[in-house]
Amino acid sequence: MIWRSEAIPTITEGDVRLRPLRVSDSSTWHEIRKRNQAWLSPWDATVPREGAGAGEVPPTFSAMVRRLRHEAREGRILPWVVEFRGGQRHRMVGQVTMGGITYGSLRSAYLGYWIDQQFAGRGITSLAVAMASDYGFEALRLHRLELNIRPENGASRAVAEKLGYRMEGFRERYLHIDGDWRDHVTYVLFDGDIADGVVARLRSQVNSRGQ
């Protein structure tokens, strides 16, 4: 696995690349999200209609990117575009975000992700999350990573289990998703749980199935 050091590193593994989200991604990002609205909306975070922040206007794409890049420079978040190489070029197919990055005595973060339905089922999401996981442990020296997933999201839970994340517990009404407070299950992975790294584990599974 190859990564280039910067506030938001670019990481490459085979045909999958994680790179920083850019303002120039606006038209492609909006096209993918619009085309995948029905596919993604059951899992998308939303803002409650009551309480602090209720009714706030979503930021423009450029404002969102600037905020995320600022948070990345502060070491709190890593927002990556997931690209897949088909033929001679890479194209955007989704996102992986490492958020809640905390050091000190906790040294923890969480990962969230989505993919274009056209590219689901090809192992791209699993590899992208594995790449981000290895970066969290190897480069950031984190102790713990977690994935918080709605119980109904079988595809996302399959990604977690394939990568060696184990189910830690249940969080009732944990996040506001698709218009209401939704229950989540938490999957965790600790530094050292997978000796050779998450990408290596995934590659060995693929190779064993091919034999």
C-alpha atoms as a PDB file:
ATOM      1  CA  MET A   1       0.000   0.000   0.000  1.00  0.00           C
ATOM      2  CA  ILE A   2       1.314   3.428  -0.961  1.00  0.00           C
ATOM      3  CA  TRP A   3       0.389   6.736   0.651  1.00  0.00           C
ATOM      4  CA  ARG A   4       1.611  10.270   0.178  1.00  0.00           C
ATOM      5  CA  SER A   5       1.947  12.317   3.348  1.00  0.00           C
ATOM      6  CA  GLU A   6      -0.200  15.477   3.541  1.00  0.00           C
ATOM      7  CA  ALA A   7      -3.060  16.792   5.662  1.00  0.00           C
ATOM      8  CA  ILE A   8      -5.354  14.400   3.808  1.00  0.00           C
ATOM      9  CA  PRO A   9      -3.086  11.690   2.406  1.00  0.00           C
ATOM     10  CA  THR A  10      -3.556   9.977  -0.938  1.00  0.00           C
ATOM     11  CA  ILE A  11      -3.478   6.190  -0.550  1.00  0.00           C
ATOM     12  CA  THR A  12      -3.302   3.684  -3.388  1.00  0.00           C
ATOM     13  CA  GLU A  13      -3.816  -0.071  -3.329  1.00  0.00           C
ATOM     14  CA  GLY A  14      -4.297  -1.844  -6.644  1.00  0.00           C
ATOM     15  CA  ASP A  15      -7.158  -0.246  -8.581  1.00  0.00           C
ATOM     16  CA  VAL A  16      -8.530   1.637  -5.572  1.00  0.00           C
ATOM     17  CA  ARG A  17      -7.334   5.061  -4.495  1.00  0.00           C
ATOM     18  CA  LEU A  18      -8.296   7.273  -1.570  1.00  0.00           C
ATOM     19  CA  ARG A  19      -7.638  10.947  -2.178  1.00  0.00           C
ATOM     20  CA  PRO A  20      -8.717  14.294  -0.711  1.00  0.00           C
ATOM     21  CA  LEU A  21     -12.161  15.648  -1.530  1.00  0.00           C
ATOM     22  CA  ARG A  22     -11.802  18.755  -3.732  1.00  0.00           C
ATOM     23  CA  VAL A  23     -14.042  21.689  -4.599  1.00  0.00           C
ATOM     24  CA  SER A  24     -13.673  20.656  -8.255  1.00  0.00           C
ATOM     25  CA  ASP A  25     -15.458  17.360  -7.419  1.00  0.00           C
ATOM     26  CA  SER A  26     -18.759  19.227  -7.055  1.00  0.00           C
ATOM     27  CA  SER A  27     -20.482  18.256 -10.312  1.00  0.00           C
ATOM     28  CA  THR A  28     -19.399  14.598 -10.165  1.00  0.00           C
ATOM     29  CA  TRP A  29     -20.292  14.296  -6.476  1.00  0.00           C
ATOM     30  CA  HIS A  30     -23.746  15.798  -6.991  1.00  0.00           C
ATOM     31  CA  GLU A  31     -24.413  13.580 -10.027  1.00  0.00           C
ATOM     32  CA  ILE A  32     -23.527  10.422  -8.093  1.00  0.00           C
ATOM     33  CA  ARG A  33     -25.512  11.421  -5.021  1.00  0.00           C
ATOM     34  CA  LYS A  34     -28.592  12.379  -7.063  1.00  0.00           C
ATOM     35  CA  ARG A  35     -28.479   9.154  -9.055  1.00  0.00           C
ATOM     36  CA  ASN A  36     -28.085   7.107  -5.847  1.00  0.00           C
ATOM     37  CA  GLN A  37     -30.616   8.968  -3.692  1.00  0.00           C
ATOM     38  CA  ALA A  38     -32.917   5.984  -3.164  1.00  0.00           C
ATOM     39  CA  TRP A  39     -29.931   3.686  -2.584  1.00  0.00           C
ATOM     40  CA  LEU A  40     -28.225   5.925   0.005  1.00  0.00           C
ATOM     41  CA  SER A  41     -31.023   7.827   1.781  1.00  0.00           C
ATOM     42  CA  PRO A  42     -31.868   5.026   4.281  1.00  0.00           C
ATOM     43  CA  TRP A  43     -28.326   5.334   5.662  1.00  0.00           C
ATOM     44  CA  ASP A  44     -27.700   9.087   5.323  1.00  0.00           C
ATOM     45  CA  ALA A  45     -27.329  11.348   8.355  1.00  0.00           C
ATOM     46  CA  THR A  46     -30.025  14.014   8.731  1.00  0.00           C
ATOM     47  CA  VAL A  47     -30.643  17.025  10.989  1.00  0.00           C
ATOM     48  CA  PRO A  48     -33.497  16.853  13.545  1.00  0.00           C
ATOM     49  CA  ARG A  49     -36.362  19.284  12.977  1.00  0.00           C
ATOM     50  CA  GLU A  50     -36.331  20.380  16.617  1.00  0.00           C
ATOM     51  CA  GLY A  51     -33.629  21.523  19.003  1.00  0.00           C
ATOM     52  CA  ALA A  52     -30.287  23.225  18.409  1.00  0.00           C
ATOM     53  CA  GLY A  53     -29.410  23.488  14.737  1.00  0.00           C
ATOM     54  CA  ALA A  54     -32.901  22.491  13.595  1.00  0.00           C
ATOM     55  CA  GLY A  55     -33.819  23.858  10.196  1.00  0.00           C
ATOM     56  CA  GLU A  56     -30.291  24.960   9.367  1.00  0.00           C
ATOM     57  CA  VAL A  57     -29.542  25.262   5.668  1.00  0.00           C
ATOM     58  CA  PRO A  58     -27.076  22.624   4.407  1.00  0.00           C
ATOM     59  CA  PRO A  59     -23.748  24.184   3.376  1.00  0.00           C
ATOM     60  CA  THR A  60     -22.795  24.538  -0.252  1.00  0.00           C
ATOM     61  CA  PHE A  61     -20.440  21.871  -1.577  1.00  0.00           C
ATOM     62  CA  SER A  62     -17.473  24.263  -1.605  1.00  0.00           C
ATOM     63  CA  ALA A  63     -18.208  25.366   1.970  1.00  0.00           C
ATOM     64  CA  MET A  64     -18.426  21.728   3.051  1.00  0.00           C
ATOM     65  CA  VAL A  65     -15.078  20.913   1.439  1.00  0.00           C
ATOM     66  CA  ARG A  66     -13.379  23.944   3.026  1.00  0.00           C
ATOM     67  CA  ARG A  67     -14.732  22.984   6.445  1.00  0.00           C
ATOM     68  CA  LEU A  68     -13.601  19.384   6.078  1.00  0.00           C
ATOM     69  CA  ARG A  69     -10.128  20.435   4.952  1.00  0.00           C
ATOM     70  CA  HIS A  70      -9.852  22.791   7.920  1.00  0.00           C
ATOM     71  CA  GLU A  71     -10.842  19.961  10.255  1.00  0.00           C
ATOM     72  CA  ALA A  72      -8.266  17.744   8.544  1.00  0.00           C
ATOM     73  CA  ARG A  73      -5.509  20.304   9.151  1.00  0.00           C
ATOM     74  CA  GLU A  74      -6.547  20.313  12.801  1.00  0.00           C
ATOM     75  CA  GLY A  75      -6.185  16.524  12.848  1.00  0.00           C
ATOM     76  CA  ARG A  76      -9.827  15.775  13.631  1.00  0.00           C
ATOM     77  CA  ILE A  77     -11.111  14.229  10.388  1.00  0.00           C
ATOM     78  CA  LEU A  78      -9.899  12.623   7.147  1.00  0.00           C
ATOM     79  CA  PRO A  79     -12.452  12.880   4.309  1.00  0.00           C
ATOM     80  CA  TRP A  80     -11.478  10.720   1.338  1.00  0.00           C
ATOM     81  CA  VAL A  81     -12.945  10.264  -2.112  1.00  0.00           C
ATOM     82  CA  VAL A  82     -12.901   6.607  -3.152  1.00  0.00           C
ATOM     83  CA  GLU A  83     -11.728   6.198  -6.733  1.00  0.00           C
ATOM     84  CA  PHE A  84     -11.694   3.043  -8.842  1.00  0.00           C
ATOM     85  CA  ARG A  85      -9.502   2.591 -11.883  1.00  0.00           C
ATOM     86  CA  GLY A  86     -11.322   1.214 -14.882  1.00  0.00           C
ATOM     87  CA  GLY A  87      -9.135   1.197 -17.975  1.00  0.00           C
ATOM     88  CA  GLN A  88      -6.670   4.089 -17.962  1.00  0.00           C
ATOM     89  CA  ARG A  89      -8.303   6.439 -15.468  1.00  0.00           C
ATOM     90  CA  HIS A  90      -9.650   6.602 -11.948  1.00  0.00           C
ATOM     91  CA  ARG A  91     -13.234   7.690 -11.343  1.00  0.00           C
ATOM     92  CA  MET A  92     -15.062   8.694  -8.172  1.00  0.00           C
ATOM     93  CA  VAL A  93     -17.248   5.871  -6.823  1.00  0.00           C
ATOM     94  CA  GLY A  94     -17.819   6.831  -3.181  1.00  0.00           C
ATOM     95  CA  GLN A  95     -16.367   8.203   0.028  1.00  0.00           C
ATOM     96  CA  VAL A  96     -14.697   7.011   3.211  1.00  0.00           C
ATOM     97  CA  THR A  97     -14.410   9.377   6.170  1.00  0.00           C
ATOM     98  CA  MET A  98     -12.388   8.900   9.323  1.00  0.00           C
ATOM     99  CA  GLY A  99     -13.917  11.157  11.946  1.00  0.00           C
ATOM    100  CA  GLY A 100     -13.755  11.833  15.653  1.00  0.00           C
ATOM    101  CA  ILE A 101      -9.981  11.390  15.604  1.00  0.00           C
ATOM    102  CA  THR A 102      -8.837  11.680  19.199  1.00  0.00           C
ATOM    103  CA  TYR A 103      -5.376  11.231  20.663  1.00  0.00           C
ATOM    104  CA  GLY A 104      -4.248  11.346  24.295  1.00  0.00           C
ATOM    105  CA  SER A 105      -5.412   8.437  26.415  1.00  0.00           C
ATOM    106  CA  LEU A 106      -8.171   7.431  23.939  1.00  0.00           C
ATOM    107  CA  ARG A 107      -6.431   7.308  20.523  1.00  0.00           C
ATOM    108  CA  SER A 108      -9.625   6.437  18.685  1.00  0.00           C
ATOM    109  CA  ALA A 109     -11.662   7.276  15.586  1.00  0.00           C
ATOM    110  CA  TYR A 110     -14.694   6.080  13.650  1.00  0.00           C
ATOM    111  CA  LEU A 111     -15.131   5.290   9.956  1.00  0.00           C
ATOM    112  CA  GLY A 112     -18.118   5.983   7.728  1.00  0.00           C
ATOM    113  CA  TYR A 113     -18.516   5.139   4.050  1.00  0.00           C
ATOM    114  CA  TRP A 114     -20.810   4.987   1.026  1.00  0.00           C
ATOM    115  CA  ILE A 115     -20.477   3.733  -2.551  1.00  0.00           C
ATOM    116  CA  ASP A 116     -22.203   4.271  -5.898  1.00  0.00           C
ATOM    117  CA  GLN A 117     -24.673   1.404  -6.373  1.00  0.00           C
ATOM    118  CA  GLN A 118     -23.165   0.704  -9.809  1.00  0.00           C
ATOM    119  CA  PHE A 119     -19.925  -0.327  -8.090  1.00  0.00           C
ATOM    120  CA  ALA A 120     -21.361  -2.175  -5.096  1.00  0.00           C
ATOM    121  CA  GLY A 121     -20.504  -5.839  -4.684  1.00  0.00           C
ATOM    122  CA  ARG A 122     -17.067  -5.604  -6.318  1.00  0.00           C
ATOM    123  CA  GLY A 123     -15.047  -5.484  -3.105  1.00  0.00           C
ATOM    124  CA  ILE A 124     -14.199  -1.798  -3.567  1.00  0.00           C
ATOM    125  CA  THR A 125     -15.814  -0.692  -0.306  1.00  0.00           C
ATOM    126  CA  SER A 126     -14.101  -3.445   1.685  1.00  0.00           C
ATOM    127  CA  LEU A 127     -10.698  -2.534   0.259  1.00  0.00           C
ATOM    128  CA  ALA A 128     -11.239   1.205   0.811  1.00  0.00           C
ATOM    129  CA  VAL A 129     -12.218   0.688   4.460  1.00  0.00           C
ATOM    130  CA  ALA A 130      -9.265  -1.690   4.920  1.00  0.00           C
ATOM    131  CA  MET A 131      -6.899   0.948   3.507  1.00  0.00           C
ATOM    132  CA  ALA A 132      -8.293   3.611   5.835  1.00  0.00           C
ATOM    133  CA  SER A 133      -8.060   1.218   8.789  1.00  0.00           C
ATOM    134  CA  ASP A 134      -4.409   0.419   8.130  1.00  0.00           C
ATOM    135  CA  TYR A 135      -3.643   4.129   7.804  1.00  0.00           C
ATOM    136  CA  GLY A 136      -5.310   4.792  11.158  1.00  0.00           C
ATOM    137  CA  PHE A 137      -3.224   2.165  12.910  1.00  0.00           C
ATOM    138  CA  GLU A 138       0.080   2.478  11.045  1.00  0.00           C
ATOM    139  CA  ALA A 139       0.357   6.210  10.331  1.00  0.00           C
ATOM    140  CA  LEU A 140      -1.785   7.786  13.053  1.00  0.00           C
ATOM    141  CA  ARG A 141      -0.913   5.141  15.679  1.00  0.00           C
ATOM    142  CA  LEU A 142      -4.512   4.904  16.830  1.00  0.00           C
ATOM    143  CA  HIS A 143      -5.536   2.259  19.357  1.00  0.00           C
ATOM    144  CA  ARG A 144      -9.161   1.716  18.341  1.00  0.00           C
ATOM    145  CA  LEU A 145     -11.371   2.156  15.264  1.00  0.00           C
ATOM    146  CA  GLU A 146     -15.103   1.726  15.205  1.00  0.00           C
ATOM    147  CA  LEU A 147     -17.893   1.378  12.648  1.00  0.00           C
ATOM    148  CA  ASN A 148     -21.436   2.326  13.682  1.00  0.00           C
ATOM    149  CA  ILE A 149     -23.987   0.635  11.433  1.00  0.00           C
ATOM    150  CA  ARG A 150     -27.764   0.407  11.369  1.00  0.00           C
ATOM    151  CA  PRO A 151     -28.787  -3.174  12.204  1.00  0.00           C
ATOM    152  CA  GLU A 152     -30.775  -3.387   8.946  1.00  0.00           C
ATOM    153  CA  ASN A 153     -27.732  -2.555   6.791  1.00  0.00           C
ATOM    154  CA  GLY A 154     -26.627  -6.071   5.972  1.00  0.00           C
ATOM    155  CA  ALA A 155     -24.164  -5.035   3.258  1.00  0.00           C
ATOM    156  CA  SER A 156     -22.301  -2.661   5.573  1.00  0.00           C
ATOM    157  CA  ARG A 157     -22.235  -5.210   8.381  1.00  0.00           C
ATOM    158  CA  ALA A 158     -20.775  -7.741   5.949  1.00  0.00           C
ATOM    159  CA  VAL A 159     -17.938  -5.309   5.182  1.00  0.00           C
ATOM    160  CA  ALA A 160     -17.161  -4.938   8.891  1.00  0.00           C
ATOM    161  CA  GLU A 161     -17.134  -8.673   9.508  1.00  0.00           C
ATOM    162  CA  LYS A 162     -15.076  -9.437   6.405  1.00  0.00           C
ATOM    163  CA  LEU A 163     -12.370  -7.047   7.621  1.00  0.00           C
ATOM    164  CA  GLY A 164     -12.164  -8.570  11.092  1.00  0.00           C
ATOM    165  CA  TYR A 165     -14.115  -5.932  13.003  1.00  0.00           C
ATOM    166  CA  ARG A 166     -16.065  -7.555  15.835  1.00  0.00           C
ATOM    167  CA  MET A 167     -19.463  -6.498  17.133  1.00  0.00           C
ATOM    168  CA  GLU A 168     -19.021  -4.717  20.449  1.00  0.00           C
ATOM    169  CA  GLY A 169     -22.563  -3.739  21.322  1.00  0.00           C
ATOM    170  CA  PHE A 170     -25.826  -1.963  20.587  1.00  0.00           C
ATOM    171  CA  ARG A 171     -26.431   1.797  20.690  1.00  0.00           C
ATOM    172  CA  GLU A 172     -30.066   2.726  21.012  1.00  0.00           C
ATOM    173  CA  ARG A 173     -31.225   5.774  18.977  1.00  0.00           C
ATOM    174  CA  TYR A 174     -27.571   6.628  18.389  1.00  0.00           C
ATOM    175  CA  LEU A 175     -27.646   8.818  15.252  1.00  0.00           C
ATOM    176  CA  HIS A 176     -30.248  10.840  13.353  1.00  0.00           C
ATOM    177  CA  ILE A 177     -30.532   8.955  10.059  1.00  0.00           C
ATOM    178  CA  ASP A 178     -33.113   9.264   7.303  1.00  0.00           C
ATOM    179  CA  GLY A 179     -35.329  11.546   9.375  1.00  0.00           C
ATOM    180  CA  ASP A 180     -35.318   9.904  12.810  1.00  0.00           C
ATOM    181  CA  TRP A 181     -33.106   8.680  15.649  1.00  0.00           C
ATOM    182  CA  ARG A 182     -31.921   5.213  14.655  1.00  0.00           C
ATOM    183  CA  ASP A 183     -30.413   2.305  16.561  1.00  0.00           C
ATOM    184  CA  HIS A 184     -26.906   1.215  15.596  1.00  0.00           C
ATOM    185  CA  VAL A 185     -24.602  -1.697  16.223  1.00  0.00           C
ATOM    186  CA  THR A 186     -20.954  -0.894  16.917  1.00  0.00           C
ATOM    187  CA  TYR A 187     -18.108  -2.878  15.406  1.00  0.00           C
ATOM    188  CA  VAL A 188     -14.558  -2.337  16.689  1.00  0.00           C
ATOM    189  CA  LEU A 189     -11.008  -3.192  15.743  1.00  0.00           C
ATOM    190  CA  PHE A 190      -7.946  -2.609  17.916  1.00  0.00           C
ATOM    191  CA  ASP A 191      -4.355  -2.008  16.917  1.00  0.00           C
ATOM    192  CA  GLY A 192      -2.640  -5.396  16.756  1.00  0.00           C
ATOM    193  CA  ASP A 193      -5.835  -7.424  16.310  1.00  0.00           C
ATOM    194  CA  ILE A 194      -4.690  -8.280  12.771  1.00  0.00           C
ATOM    195  CA  ALA A 195      -0.953  -8.778  12.787  1.00  0.00           C
ATOM    196  CA  ASP A 196      -0.238  -8.228   9.078  1.00  0.00           C
ATOM    197  CA  GLY A 197      -2.796  -5.459   8.570  1.00  0.00           C
ATOM    198  CA  VAL A 198      -6.367  -5.245   7.351  1.00  0.00           C
ATOM    199  CA  VAL A 199      -5.517  -4.991   3.642  1.00  0.00           C
ATOM    200  CA  ALA A 200      -3.313  -8.087   3.905  1.00  0.00           C
ATOM    201  CA  ARG A 201      -6.134  -9.986   5.612  1.00  0.00           C
ATOM    202  CA  LEU A 202      -8.540  -9.004   2.856  1.00  0.00           C
ATOM    203  CA  ARG A 203      -6.072  -9.943   0.109  1.00  0.00           C
ATOM    204  CA  SER A 204      -5.475 -13.346   1.666  1.00  0.00           C
ATOM    205  CA  GLN A 205      -9.238 -13.994   1.695  1.00  0.00           C
ATOM    206  CA  VAL A 206      -9.511 -13.074  -1.977  1.00  0.00           C
ATOM    207  CA  ASN A 207      -6.523 -15.263  -2.867  1.00  0.00           C
ATOM    208  CA  SER A 208      -7.854 -18.245  -0.925  1.00  0.00           C
ATOM    209  CA  ARG A 209     -11.208 -18.036  -2.709  1.00  0.00           C
ATOM    210  CA  GLY A 210      -9.412 -17.941  -6.050  1.00  0.00           C
ATOM    211  CA  GLN A 211      -7.559 -21.181  -5.394  1.00  0.00           C
END
